[in-house]
């Protein structure tokens, strides 16, 4: 439910017309579809950072294995 008030003039008819005009402007502004997103490629530095972070996480996970030489 949308409520639009208009009390700018003393005339009820003018206030009603003002409210309807503002409602129409609101509906028109929402009815415009957004522009489609243009796909871009990741930058070289972002690719390098991603691969470095993956390698770091892989190294951390390698250290989680069993320790050799320890009787258990």
C-alpha atoms as a PDB file:
ATOM      1  CA  UNK A   1       0.000   0.000   0.000  1.00  0.00           C
ATOM      2  CA  UNK A   2       1.322   3.405  -0.949  1.00  0.00           C
ATOM      3  CA  UNK A   3       0.166   6.611   0.728  1.00  0.00           C
ATOM      4  CA  UNK A   4       1.065   9.933  -0.851  1.00  0.00           C
ATOM      5  CA  UNK A   5       0.000  13.089   0.959  1.00  0.00           C
ATOM      6  CA  UNK A   6      -0.284  16.515  -0.609  1.00  0.00           C
ATOM      7  CA  UNK A   7      -1.043  19.609   1.445  1.00  0.00           C
ATOM      8  CA  UNK A   8       0.715  22.295  -0.549  1.00  0.00           C
ATOM      9  CA  UNK A   9      -2.432  24.195  -1.537  1.00  0.00           C
ATOM     10  CA  UNK A  10      -5.748  24.980   0.104  1.00  0.00           C
ATOM     11  CA  UNK A  11      -7.649  23.317  -2.735  1.00  0.00           C
ATOM     12  CA  UNK A  12      -8.414  19.626  -2.385  1.00  0.00           C
ATOM     13  CA  UNK A  13      -8.536  19.175  -6.170  1.00  0.00           C
ATOM     14  CA  UNK A  14      -5.100  20.732  -6.663  1.00  0.00           C
ATOM     15  CA  UNK A  15      -3.653  18.634  -3.818  1.00  0.00           C
ATOM     16  CA  UNK A  16      -5.156  15.485  -5.331  1.00  0.00           C
ATOM     17  CA  UNK A  17      -3.713  16.336  -8.756  1.00  0.00           C
ATOM     18  CA  UNK A  18      -0.314  17.022  -7.148  1.00  0.00           C
ATOM     19  CA  UNK A  19      -0.403  13.672  -5.315  1.00  0.00           C
ATOM     20  CA  UNK A  20      -1.402  11.800  -8.468  1.00  0.00           C
ATOM     21  CA  UNK A  21       1.378  13.514 -10.410  1.00  0.00           C
ATOM     22  CA  UNK A  22       3.954  12.543  -7.788  1.00  0.00           C
ATOM     23  CA  UNK A  23       2.645   8.962  -7.770  1.00  0.00           C
ATOM     24  CA  UNK A  24       2.926   8.825 -11.570  1.00  0.00           C
ATOM     25  CA  UNK A  25       6.502  10.153 -11.403  1.00  0.00           C
ATOM     26  CA  UNK A  26       7.348   7.517  -8.776  1.00  0.00           C
ATOM     27  CA  UNK A  27       5.886   4.702 -10.890  1.00  0.00           C
ATOM     28  CA  UNK A  28       7.681   5.963 -14.012  1.00  0.00           C
ATOM     29  CA  UNK A  29      11.035   6.096 -12.224  1.00  0.00           C
ATOM     30  CA  UNK A  30      10.662   2.504 -11.006  1.00  0.00           C
ATOM     31  CA  UNK A  31       9.408   1.183 -14.359  1.00  0.00           C
ATOM     32  CA  UNK A  32      12.737   1.865 -16.108  1.00  0.00           C
ATOM     33  CA  UNK A  33      14.632  -1.455 -16.370  1.00  0.00           C
ATOM     34  CA  UNK A  34      18.214  -1.413 -15.091  1.00  0.00           C
ATOM     35  CA  UNK A  35      21.023  -1.490 -17.630  1.00  0.00           C
ATOM     36  CA  UNK A  36      22.478  -4.974 -18.191  1.00  0.00           C
ATOM     37  CA  UNK A  37      25.821  -5.599 -16.534  1.00  0.00           C
ATOM     38  CA  UNK A  38      28.778  -5.733 -18.889  1.00  0.00           C
ATOM     39  CA  UNK A  39      30.983  -8.707 -18.032  1.00  0.00           C
ATOM     40  CA  UNK A  40      34.666  -7.929 -17.547  1.00  0.00           C
ATOM     41  CA  UNK A  41      37.716 -10.139 -17.203  1.00  0.00           C
ATOM     42  CA  UNK A  42      39.600 -10.289 -13.891  1.00  0.00           C
ATOM     43  CA  UNK A  43      42.769  -8.209 -13.836  1.00  0.00           C
ATOM     44  CA  UNK A  44      46.173  -9.882 -13.880  1.00  0.00           C
ATOM     45  CA  UNK A  45      46.932  -8.677 -10.354  1.00  0.00           C
ATOM     46  CA  UNK A  46      43.642 -10.077  -9.015  1.00  0.00           C
ATOM     47  CA  UNK A  47      44.348 -13.430 -10.690  1.00  0.00           C
ATOM     48  CA  UNK A  48      47.855 -13.458  -9.189  1.00  0.00           C
ATOM     49  CA  UNK A  49      46.505 -12.629  -5.708  1.00  0.00           C
ATOM     50  CA  UNK A  50      43.889 -15.386  -5.987  1.00  0.00           C
ATOM     51  CA  UNK A  51      46.475 -17.985  -6.995  1.00  0.00           C
ATOM     52  CA  UNK A  52      48.841 -16.880  -4.207  1.00  0.00           C
ATOM     53  CA  UNK A  53      46.086 -17.163  -1.604  1.00  0.00           C
ATOM     54  CA  UNK A  54      45.142 -20.612  -2.936  1.00  0.00           C
ATOM     55  CA  UNK A  55      48.773 -21.734  -2.683  1.00  0.00           C
ATOM     56  CA  UNK A  56      49.002 -20.389   0.864  1.00  0.00           C
ATOM     57  CA  UNK A  57      45.834 -22.234   1.904  1.00  0.00           C
ATOM     58  CA  UNK A  58      47.153 -25.404   0.250  1.00  0.00           C
ATOM     59  CA  UNK A  59      50.403 -25.140   2.217  1.00  0.00           C
ATOM     60  CA  UNK A  60      48.452 -24.734   5.464  1.00  0.00           C
ATOM     61  CA  UNK A  61      46.371 -27.807   4.666  1.00  0.00           C
ATOM     62  CA  UNK A  62      49.482 -29.865   3.847  1.00  0.00           C
ATOM     63  CA  UNK A  63      50.767 -29.203   7.364  1.00  0.00           C
ATOM     64  CA  UNK A  64      47.653 -30.808   8.860  1.00  0.00           C
ATOM     65  CA  UNK A  65      48.834 -34.308   7.979  1.00  0.00           C
ATOM     66  CA  UNK A  66      50.372 -36.800  10.394  1.00  0.00           C
ATOM     67  CA  UNK A  67      53.797 -36.057  11.720  1.00  0.00           C
ATOM     68  CA  UNK A  68      56.307 -38.688  10.533  1.00  0.00           C
ATOM     69  CA  UNK A  69      58.552 -40.407  13.069  1.00  0.00           C
ATOM     70  CA  UNK A  70      56.153 -40.079  15.962  1.00  0.00           C
ATOM     71  CA  UNK A  71      54.795 -43.258  17.546  1.00  0.00           C
ATOM     72  CA  UNK A  72      51.125 -43.054  18.139  1.00  0.00           C
END
